[in-house]
C-alpha atoms as a PDB file:
ATOM      1  CA  MET A   1       9.664   5.666 -11.897  1.00  0.00           C
ATOM      2  CA  ASP A   2       5.881   6.054 -12.110  1.00  0.00           C
ATOM      3  CA  LEU A   3       3.525   6.496  -9.162  1.00  0.00           C
ATOM      4  CA  LYS A   4       2.442   2.857  -9.316  1.00  0.00           C
ATOM      5  CA  GLU A   5       6.063   1.817  -8.632  1.00  0.00           C
ATOM      6  CA  VAL A   6       6.512   4.505  -5.954  1.00  0.00           C
ATOM      7  CA  MET A   7       3.407   3.259  -4.175  1.00  0.00           C
ATOM      8  CA  ALA A   8       4.573  -0.348  -4.453  1.00  0.00           C
ATOM      9  CA  ILE A   9       7.917   0.474  -2.814  1.00  0.00           C
ATOM     10  CA  ASN A  10       6.404   2.673  -0.109  1.00  0.00           C
ATOM     11  CA  LEU A  11       3.619   0.235   0.716  1.00  0.00           C
ATOM     12  CA  ARG A  12       6.022  -2.677   1.119  1.00  0.00           C
ATOM     13  CA  ARG A  13       8.425  -0.593   3.256  1.00  0.00           C
ATOM     14  CA  ILE A  14       5.722   0.829   5.526  1.00  0.00           C
ATOM     15  CA  ARG A  15       3.999  -2.548   5.899  1.00  0.00           C
ATOM     16  CA  HIS A  16       7.298  -4.159   6.906  1.00  0.00           C
ATOM     17  CA  ASP A  17       8.087  -1.265   9.296  1.00  0.00           C
ATOM     18  CA  LYS A  18       4.750  -1.930  11.004  1.00  0.00           C
ATOM     19  CA  GLN A  19       5.468  -5.679  10.998  1.00  0.00           C
ATOM     20  CA  LEU A  20       2.282  -6.576   9.156  1.00  0.00           C
ATOM     21  CA  THR A  21       1.792  -9.408   6.718  1.00  0.00           C
ATOM     22  CA  GLN A  22      -0.058  -8.803   3.465  1.00  0.00           C
ATOM     23  CA  GLU A  23      -2.930 -10.804   4.942  1.00  0.00           C
ATOM     24  CA  GLU A  24      -3.092  -8.675   8.098  1.00  0.00           C
ATOM     25  CA  LEU A  25      -3.040  -5.458   6.080  1.00  0.00           C
ATOM     26  CA  ALA A  26      -5.658  -6.786   3.692  1.00  0.00           C
ATOM     27  CA  ASP A  27      -7.924  -7.656   6.611  1.00  0.00           C
ATOM     28  CA  ARG A  28      -7.523  -4.191   8.152  1.00  0.00           C
ATOM     29  CA  ALA A  29      -8.148  -2.479   4.799  1.00  0.00           C
ATOM     30  CA  ASP A  30     -11.066  -4.761   3.843  1.00  0.00           C
ATOM     31  CA  LEU A  31      -9.218  -5.863   0.689  1.00  0.00           C
ATOM     32  CA  SER A  32      -7.891  -9.198  -0.525  1.00  0.00           C
ATOM     33  CA  ALA A  33      -4.322 -10.254   0.184  1.00  0.00           C
ATOM     34  CA  ARG A  34      -3.931 -10.979  -3.545  1.00  0.00           C
ATOM     35  CA  TYR A  35      -4.807  -7.363  -4.334  1.00  0.00           C
ATOM     36  CA  ILE A  36      -2.328  -6.042  -1.743  1.00  0.00           C
ATOM     37  CA  GLY A  37       0.333  -8.274  -3.313  1.00  0.00           C
ATOM     38  CA  ALA A  38      -0.518  -7.023  -6.801  1.00  0.00           C
ATOM     39  CA  ILE A  39      -0.174  -3.413  -5.626  1.00  0.00           C
ATOM     40  CA  GLU A  40       3.181  -4.197  -3.982  1.00  0.00           C
ATOM     41  CA  ARG A  41       4.424  -5.740  -7.245  1.00  0.00           C
ATOM     42  CA  ALA A  42       3.146  -2.701  -9.186  1.00  0.00           C
ATOM     43  CA  ASP A  43       0.989  -5.056 -11.250  1.00  0.00           C
ATOM     44  CA  VAL A  44      -2.095  -2.889 -10.682  1.00  0.00           C
ATOM     45  CA  SER A  45      -2.822   0.760  -9.967  1.00  0.00           C
ATOM     46  CA  ALA A  46      -4.796   1.377  -6.808  1.00  0.00           C
ATOM     47  CA  SER A  47      -7.764   3.720  -7.004  1.00  0.00           C
ATOM     48  CA  VAL A  48      -7.915   6.770  -4.764  1.00  0.00           C
ATOM     49  CA  THR A  49     -10.491   4.948  -2.650  1.00  0.00           C
ATOM     50  CA  VAL A  50      -8.173   1.962  -2.172  1.00  0.00           C
ATOM     51  CA  LEU A  51      -5.262   4.310  -1.446  1.00  0.00           C
ATOM     52  CA  GLY A  52      -7.355   5.781   1.369  1.00  0.00           C
ATOM     53  CA  GLN A  53      -8.342   2.366   2.726  1.00  0.00           C
ATOM     54  CA  ILE A  54      -4.707   1.241   2.830  1.00  0.00           C
ATOM     55  CA  ALA A  55      -3.522   4.483   4.421  1.00  0.00           C
ATOM     56  CA  ASP A  56      -6.233   4.228   7.100  1.00  0.00           C
ATOM     57  CA  ALA A  57      -5.300   0.605   7.772  1.00  0.00           C
ATOM     58  CA  LEU A  58      -1.650   1.616   8.181  1.00  0.00           C
ATOM     59  CA  GLY A  59      -2.458   4.702  10.272  1.00  0.00           C
ATOM     60  CA  ILE A  60      -0.695   7.061   7.854  1.00  0.00           C
ATOM     61  CA  GLU A  61      -1.584   9.910   5.522  1.00  0.00           C
ATOM     62  CA  PRO A  62      -2.333   8.757   1.948  1.00  0.00           C
ATOM     63  CA  ALA A  63       0.385  11.065   0.607  1.00  0.00           C
ATOM     64  CA  GLU A  64       3.033   8.928   2.325  1.00  0.00           C
ATOM     65  CA  LEU A  65       2.205   6.108  -0.110  1.00  0.00           C
ATOM     66  CA  VAL A  66       2.771   8.163  -3.248  1.00  0.00           C
ATOM     67  CA  THR A  67       5.638  10.455  -2.200  1.00  0.00           C
ATOM     68  CA  LYS A  68       9.002   9.704  -3.794  1.00  0.00           C
ATOM     69  CA  SER A  69      11.805   9.422  -1.260  1.00  0.00           C
ATOM     70  CA  GLY A  70      15.361  10.481  -1.802  1.00  0.00           C
END
Protein backbone atom coordinates (compact mmCIF):
# COMPACT_ATOMS: atom_id res chain seq x y z
CA MET A 1 0.00 0.00 0.00
CA ASP A 2 1.50 3.36 -0.99
CA LEU A 3 1.34 6.55 1.07
CA LYS A 4 -1.45 7.96 -1.10
CA GLU A 5 -3.65 5.01 -0.07
CA VAL A 6 -2.55 5.23 3.58
CA MET A 7 -3.48 8.90 3.65
CA ALA A 8 -6.82 8.19 1.99
CA ILE A 9 -7.73 5.60 4.63
CA ASN A 10 -6.50 7.70 7.55
CA LEU A 11 -8.16 10.88 6.34
CA ARG A 12 -11.53 9.19 5.91
CA ARG A 13 -11.28 7.48 9.33
CA ILE A 14 -10.21 10.62 11.20
CA ARG A 15 -12.81 12.78 9.43
CA HIS A 16 -15.55 10.31 10.37
CA ASP A 17 -14.25 10.09 13.97
CA LYS A 18 -14.58 13.87 14.19
CA GLN A 19 -18.03 13.69 12.57
CA LEU A 20 -17.15 16.07 9.76
CA THR A 21 -18.46 16.00 6.23
CA GLN A 22 -16.08 16.44 3.32
CA GLU A 23 -17.61 19.88 2.83
CA GLU A 24 -17.01 20.91 6.45
CA LEU A 25 -13.41 19.71 6.32
CA ALA A 26 -12.84 21.43 3.00
CA ASP A 27 -14.15 24.69 4.42
CA ARG A 28 -11.89 24.44 7.48
CA ALA A 29 -8.85 23.57 5.34
CA ASP A 30 -9.61 26.21 2.67
CA LEU A 31 -9.80 23.49 -0.01
CA SER A 32 -12.57 22.26 -2.28
CA ALA A 33 -14.79 19.36 -1.25
CA ARG A 34 -14.00 17.73 -4.61
CA TYR A 35 -10.29 17.78 -3.76
CA ILE A 36 -10.91 16.27 -0.31
CA GLY A 37 -12.96 13.54 -1.99
CA ALA A 38 -10.20 12.89 -4.53
CA ILE A 39 -7.65 12.53 -1.72
CA GLU A 40 -9.96 10.14 0.16
CA ARG A 41 -10.31 8.00 -2.98
CA ALA A 42 -6.52 8.08 -3.48
CA ASP A 43 -7.10 9.62 -6.91
CA VAL A 44 -4.58 12.39 -6.20
CA SER A 45 -1.50 12.85 -4.04
CA ALA A 46 -1.70 15.74 -1.62
CA SER A 47 1.25 18.11 -1.44
CA VAL A 48 3.02 18.67 1.86
CA THR A 49 1.30 22.05 2.07
CA VAL A 50 -2.14 20.47 1.64
CA LEU A 51 -1.23 17.75 4.15
CA GLY A 52 -0.51 20.52 6.66
CA GLN A 53 -3.75 22.37 5.89
CA ILE A 54 -5.80 19.20 6.39
CA ALA A 55 -3.97 18.27 9.60
CA ASP A 56 -4.52 21.78 11.00
CA ALA A 57 -8.20 21.63 10.06
CA LEU A 58 -8.53 18.28 11.85
CA GLY A 59 -6.48 19.39 14.87
CA ILE A 60 -3.95 16.58 14.45
CA GLU A 61 -0.27 16.18 13.64
CA PRO A 62 0.41 15.72 9.90
CA ALA A 63 2.19 12.42 10.61
CA GLU A 64 -1.12 10.89 11.71
CA LEU A 65 -2.33 11.12 8.10
CA VAL A 66 0.58 9.19 6.62
CA THR A 67 1.32 6.63 9.35
CA LYS A 68 0.37 3.05 8.54
CA SER A 69 -1.71 1.43 11.26
CA GLY A 70 -1.58 -2.19 12.26
